Protein backbone atom coordinates (compact mmCIF):
# COMPACT_ATOMS: atom_id res chain seq x y z
CA UNK A 1 0.00 0.00 0.00
CA UNK A 2 1.37 3.40 -0.83
CA UNK A 3 0.29 6.84 0.12
CA UNK A 4 -0.86 8.90 -2.84
CA UNK A 5 1.89 11.47 -3.50
CA UNK A 6 -0.06 13.40 -6.15
CA UNK A 7 -1.53 16.47 -4.38
CA UNK A 8 -4.30 16.88 -7.01
CA UNK A 9 -5.91 13.59 -6.05
CA UNK A 10 -7.44 13.40 -2.60
CA UNK A 11 -8.08 9.66 -2.38
CA UNK A 12 -5.10 9.09 -0.10
CA UNK A 13 -4.45 5.36 -0.52
CA UNK A 14 -3.61 3.24 -3.55
CA UNK A 15 -4.67 -0.40 -3.46
CA UNK A 16 -2.42 -2.53 -5.62
CA UNK A 17 -2.40 -5.92 -3.93
CA UNK A 18 -4.71 -7.98 -1.71
CA UNK A 19 -2.51 -7.20 1.29
CA UNK A 20 -3.29 -3.49 0.76
CA UNK A 21 -7.02 -4.23 1.00
CA UNK A 22 -6.45 -6.24 4.17
CA UNK A 23 -4.44 -3.41 5.70
CA UNK A 24 -7.15 -0.81 5.00
CA UNK A 25 -9.88 -3.09 6.39
CA UNK A 26 -7.79 -3.72 9.48
CA UNK A 27 -7.21 0.01 9.98
CA UNK A 28 -10.93 0.85 9.75
CA UNK A 29 -12.05 -1.96 12.04
CA UNK A 30 -9.39 -1.07 14.60
CA UNK A 31 -10.55 2.53 14.60
CA UNK A 32 -14.18 1.47 15.18
CA UNK A 33 -13.14 -0.66 18.17
CA UNK A 34 -10.91 2.06 19.61
CA UNK A 35 -13.80 4.51 19.46
CA UNK A 36 -16.11 1.90 21.05
CA UNK A 37 -18.48 2.06 18.07
CA UNK A 38 -18.23 -1.58 16.97
CA UNK A 39 -21.92 -2.27 17.66
CA UNK A 40 -23.09 0.81 15.82
CA UNK A 41 -21.04 -0.19 12.76
CA UNK A 42 -21.40 -3.97 13.06
CA UNK A 43 -22.89 -4.36 9.57
CA UNK A 44 -20.10 -2.36 7.99
CA UNK A 45 -17.51 -4.26 10.00
CA UNK A 46 -19.00 -7.54 8.77
CA UNK A 47 -18.67 -6.33 5.16
CA UNK A 48 -15.07 -5.29 5.80
CA UNK A 49 -14.34 -8.70 7.30
CA UNK A 50 -15.72 -10.35 4.15
CA UNK A 51 -13.45 -8.14 2.05
CA UNK A 52 -10.52 -9.00 4.32
CA UNK A 53 -11.21 -12.73 3.95
CA UNK A 54 -11.48 -12.47 0.16
CA UNK A 55 -8.16 -10.61 -0.01
CA UNK A 56 -6.57 -13.22 2.26
CA UNK A 57 -7.89 -16.01 0.01
CA UNK A 58 -6.45 -14.28 -3.05
CA UNK A 59 -3.04 -14.08 -1.37
CA UNK A 60 -3.18 -17.75 -0.44
CA UNK A 61 -4.31 -18.73 -3.93
CA UNK A 62 -1.37 -16.87 -5.46
CA UNK A 63 0.97 -18.72 -3.09
CA UNK A 64 -0.57 -22.08 -4.02
CA UNK A 65 -0.29 -21.29 -7.74
CA UNK A 66 3.40 -20.42 -7.32
CA UNK A 67 4.09 -23.66 -5.47
CA UNK A 68 2.11 -25.71 -7.99
CA UNK A 69 4.05 -24.17 -10.89
CA UNK A 70 7.32 -25.06 -9.17
CA UNK A 71 6.16 -28.65 -8.60
CA UNK A 72 5.03 -28.98 -12.21
CA UNK A 73 8.36 -27.63 -13.46
CA UNK A 74 10.22 -30.10 -11.24
CA UNK A 75 8.06 -32.96 -12.52
CA UNK A 76 8.64 -31.92 -16.14
CA UNK A 77 12.40 -31.73 -15.64
CA UNK A 78 12.51 -35.15 -13.99
CA UNK A 79 10.55 -36.63 -16.91
CA UNK A 80 12.97 -35.02 -19.35
CA UNK A 81 15.89 -36.67 -17.51
CA UNK A 82 14.62 -40.17 -18.17
CA UNK A 83 11.55 -40.57 -16.09
CA UNK A 84 13.30 -40.83 -12.74
CA UNK A 85 11.42 -39.43 -9.77
CA UNK A 86 13.16 -37.85 -6.82
């Protein structure tokens, strides 16, 4: 997550990765709890938690895809070397 350095735009935060979404959700929920307004904003907090979970799932899926690609490459190289498995 990066702070927006362009003074003409007033959005403030740029979301580029799922971890950025998780960080923003965490910041908002923490603020609601610090101000003791978690019950008043419980519906919004629930929506933010769903967004947080989806971003977490996307991060985990990317990790699984990376590991699967590495395993497939290893399998392909072992087949190319004569079918031996290690």
